[in-house]
Amino acid sequence: MNFLVAGLGNIGDEYANTRHNVGFMVLDAWAQASNTTFTTGRYGATATVSFKGHKFTLLKPSTYMNLSGKAVNYWLQATGIPRERLLVVVDDLALPFGTLRLRPRGSDGGHNGLKHIDYMLSSDDYARLRVGIGHGFAEGGQIDYVLGEWLLEEKRVLPEILNQAIETIKCFALEGVDRAMSRYNHSVIES
């Protein structure tokens, strides 16, 4: 079975290690662990990973965050993958840092990347994996926080968060969204 996993982020070196790019980071970690590389194509870079008989097309849109729907819509059509086998990996300010939250569908929660995907697909009926980045900023500091680089203590635990996100995606494909939600919807970090 084939799946499309879209990790949201912004292209360019200035965004590479920012909180807003955690979707890209999850896919980069998975591709690296699978000894595969991304190829630049229309509206994004893609890589293919196989796991237990399933094929995953990993997509990092090159459209910038606010136009992510253009890439997701194009690659769904180009691959012929149905929307029920789409999973979008995205950062979430409302979740504490290190918390994973998988949902089979839902609102954009104010996230412009999800908002554009909803618009382009004319639906919010697709799975999304939200990766908590926390909300450690003063009033009015949201943009600087989201586009800011990880703190040293965050960088230390980031590999484990990325790994758990990858395991969540695999479980979503192999065992279904309900099983993956019950197993992985929690904080990766010990409090």
Protein backbone atom coordinates (compact mmCIF):
# COMPACT_ATOMS: atom_id res chain seq x y z
CA MET A 1 0.00 0.00 0.00
CA ASN A 2 1.23 3.50 -0.84
CA PHE A 3 1.15 6.53 1.45
CA LEU A 4 1.98 10.20 0.98
CA VAL A 5 3.64 11.79 4.01
CA ALA A 6 3.97 15.56 3.70
CA GLY A 7 6.25 17.28 6.19
CA LEU A 8 5.63 21.01 6.30
CA GLY A 9 8.36 23.61 6.48
CA ASN A 10 10.02 26.45 4.61
CA ILE A 11 12.82 26.01 2.11
CA GLY A 12 16.13 27.81 2.50
CA ASP A 13 19.08 27.59 4.88
CA GLU A 14 17.73 30.40 7.07
CA TYR A 15 14.78 28.18 8.04
CA ALA A 16 16.60 24.83 8.26
CA ASN A 17 16.86 24.58 12.06
CA THR A 18 13.73 26.46 13.05
CA ARG A 19 10.76 25.17 15.00
CA HIS A 20 8.46 25.78 12.02
CA ASN A 21 10.47 23.21 10.02
CA VAL A 22 9.93 20.24 12.29
CA GLY A 23 7.86 18.57 9.53
CA PHE A 24 10.90 18.68 7.22
CA MET A 25 13.09 17.43 10.08
CA VAL A 26 10.95 14.32 10.64
CA LEU A 27 11.16 13.38 6.96
CA ASP A 28 14.88 14.15 6.77
CA ALA A 29 15.52 11.89 9.77
CA TRP A 30 13.48 9.07 8.21
CA ALA A 31 15.19 9.38 4.83
CA GLN A 32 18.61 9.42 6.49
CA ALA A 33 17.79 6.34 8.62
CA SER A 34 16.60 4.59 5.43
CA ASN A 35 19.69 5.55 3.41
CA THR A 36 17.64 7.40 0.83
CA THR A 37 17.86 10.94 -0.48
CA PHE A 38 15.41 13.55 -1.66
CA THR A 39 15.05 14.46 -5.31
CA THR A 40 13.81 17.90 -6.29
CA GLY A 41 10.66 17.77 -8.37
CA ARG A 42 7.56 19.80 -9.07
CA TYR A 43 6.43 21.78 -6.00
CA GLY A 44 8.80 19.93 -3.70
CA ALA A 45 11.45 17.38 -2.91
CA THR A 46 10.47 13.73 -2.57
CA ALA A 47 12.03 10.53 -1.32
CA THR A 48 10.67 7.00 -1.24
CA VAL A 49 10.90 4.75 1.80
CA SER A 50 9.62 1.19 2.06
CA PHE A 51 8.62 -0.43 5.32
CA LYS A 52 6.98 -3.86 5.81
CA GLY A 53 5.48 -3.97 2.34
CA HIS A 54 4.29 -0.35 2.35
CA LYS A 55 5.73 2.42 0.21
CA PHE A 56 5.91 5.95 1.58
CA THR A 57 6.42 8.97 -0.64
CA LEU A 58 7.95 11.61 1.62
CA LEU A 59 7.20 15.15 0.43
CA LYS A 60 8.85 18.39 1.52
CA PRO A 61 6.95 21.15 -0.30
CA SER A 62 9.03 23.88 -1.94
CA THR A 63 6.08 26.26 -2.01
CA TYR A 64 6.78 27.75 1.44
CA MET A 65 4.52 26.96 4.37
CA ASN A 66 1.54 29.15 3.45
CA LEU A 67 1.13 27.51 0.03
CA SER A 68 1.72 23.89 1.11
CA GLY A 69 -1.62 22.78 -0.33
CA LYS A 70 -0.35 23.32 -3.87
CA ALA A 71 2.36 20.68 -3.39
CA VAL A 72 0.19 18.25 -1.41
CA ASN A 73 -2.63 18.41 -3.97
CA TYR A 74 -0.23 17.96 -6.89
CA TRP A 75 1.56 14.96 -5.36
CA LEU A 76 -1.69 13.25 -4.31
CA GLN A 77 -2.79 13.42 -7.93
CA ALA A 78 0.62 12.55 -9.40
CA THR A 79 0.99 9.44 -7.23
CA GLY A 80 -2.68 8.41 -7.32
CA ILE A 81 -2.65 8.02 -3.55
CA PRO A 82 -6.11 8.52 -2.01
CA ARG A 83 -6.59 11.22 0.61
CA GLU A 84 -7.20 8.61 3.34
CA ARG A 85 -3.54 7.58 2.94
CA LEU A 86 -2.22 11.13 3.27
CA LEU A 87 -0.53 12.18 6.51
CA VAL A 88 0.71 15.73 7.11
CA VAL A 89 3.44 16.37 9.71
CA VAL A 90 3.28 19.87 11.16
CA ASP A 91 4.52 21.98 14.08
CA ASP A 92 2.01 23.00 16.76
CA LEU A 93 2.37 25.95 19.14
CA ALA A 94 -0.56 24.85 21.29
CA LEU A 95 1.12 21.58 22.29
CA PRO A 96 3.93 21.43 24.85
CA PHE A 97 7.37 20.82 23.36
CA GLY A 98 7.87 17.12 22.62
CA THR A 99 4.18 16.16 22.54
CA LEU A 100 2.89 14.22 19.54
CA ARG A 101 -0.77 14.41 18.55
CA LEU A 102 -2.10 12.32 15.65
CA ARG A 103 -5.64 12.96 14.41
CA PRO A 104 -7.59 11.41 11.51
CA ARG A 105 -8.93 14.86 10.53
CA GLY A 106 -9.54 18.24 12.09
CA SER A 107 -9.30 21.99 11.97
CA ASP A 108 -6.24 23.91 10.85
CA GLY A 109 -5.85 25.26 14.39
CA GLY A 110 -4.64 28.56 12.97
CA HIS A 111 -1.76 26.89 11.10
CA ASN A 112 -1.40 28.50 7.67
CA GLY A 113 0.09 25.38 6.08
CA LEU A 114 -2.89 23.25 7.10
CA LYS A 115 -5.27 26.06 6.16
CA HIS A 116 -3.93 26.05 2.58
CA ILE A 117 -4.07 22.25 2.34
CA ASP A 118 -7.72 22.34 3.50
CA TYR A 119 -8.41 24.98 0.84
CA MET A 120 -6.67 23.09 -1.99
CA LEU A 121 -8.25 19.73 -1.09
CA SER A 122 -11.64 21.31 -0.26
CA SER A 123 -11.55 19.20 2.88
CA ASP A 124 -9.97 18.79 6.30
CA ASP A 125 -10.57 15.04 6.11
CA TYR A 126 -6.96 13.82 6.14
CA ALA A 127 -4.63 12.67 8.91
CA ARG A 128 -2.22 15.06 10.56
CA LEU A 129 0.56 14.52 13.04
CA ARG A 130 1.15 17.61 15.14
CA VAL A 131 4.54 17.94 16.80
CA GLY A 132 4.46 20.20 19.84
CA ILE A 133 6.98 23.02 19.77
CA GLY A 134 5.68 24.74 22.92
CA HIS A 135 4.80 28.37 23.33
CA GLY A 136 7.70 29.95 25.16
CA PHE A 137 7.27 33.49 23.92
CA ALA A 138 5.92 36.80 25.16
CA GLU A 139 2.81 38.38 23.68
CA GLY A 140 3.48 39.42 20.10
CA GLY A 141 6.52 37.16 19.82
CA GLN A 142 4.89 34.23 18.04
CA ILE A 143 6.52 34.72 14.62
CA ASP A 144 10.02 35.14 16.07
CA TYR A 145 9.48 32.05 18.23
CA VAL A 146 8.19 29.84 15.42
CA LEU A 147 10.91 30.98 13.02
CA GLY A 148 13.52 30.86 15.77
CA GLU A 149 16.10 28.12 16.18
CA TRP A 150 15.81 25.36 18.76
CA LEU A 151 17.28 25.96 22.20
CA LEU A 152 20.24 23.82 23.25
CA GLU A 153 18.15 21.68 25.63
CA GLU A 154 15.52 21.21 22.88
CA LYS A 155 18.18 20.12 20.38
CA ARG A 156 19.34 17.49 22.85
CA VAL A 157 15.98 15.65 22.86
CA LEU A 158 14.95 16.46 19.29
CA PRO A 159 16.33 13.19 17.81
CA GLU A 160 14.06 11.16 20.11
CA ILE A 161 11.04 13.29 19.18
CA LEU A 162 11.78 12.83 15.48
CA ASN A 163 12.21 9.09 15.97
CA GLN A 164 8.88 8.79 17.82
CA ALA A 165 7.17 10.77 15.05
CA ILE A 166 8.54 8.29 12.47
CA GLU A 167 7.28 5.36 14.58
CA THR A 168 3.87 7.04 14.76
CA ILE A 169 3.70 7.31 10.97
CA LYS A 170 4.69 3.65 10.55
CA CYS A 171 2.03 2.59 13.06
CA PHE A 172 -0.56 4.75 11.26
CA ALA A 173 0.18 2.84 8.04
CA LEU A 174 0.45 -0.66 9.52
CA GLU A 175 -2.18 -0.64 12.27
CA GLY A 176 -4.46 2.31 11.51
CA VAL A 177 -5.00 5.75 12.98
CA ASP A 178 -6.83 4.64 16.15
CA ARG A 179 -4.08 2.27 17.24
CA ALA A 180 -1.38 4.82 16.41
CA MET A 181 -3.23 7.52 18.38
CA SER A 182 -3.57 5.37 21.49
CA ARG A 183 0.07 4.33 21.35
CA TYR A 184 1.80 7.61 20.44
CA ASN A 185 -0.39 10.58 21.43
CA HIS A 186 1.69 11.70 24.41
CA SER A 187 4.77 13.61 25.37
CA VAL A 188 8.02 12.03 24.25
CA ILE A 189 9.90 13.83 27.01
CA GLU A 190 9.82 12.72 30.61
CA SER A 191 8.58 15.55 32.83
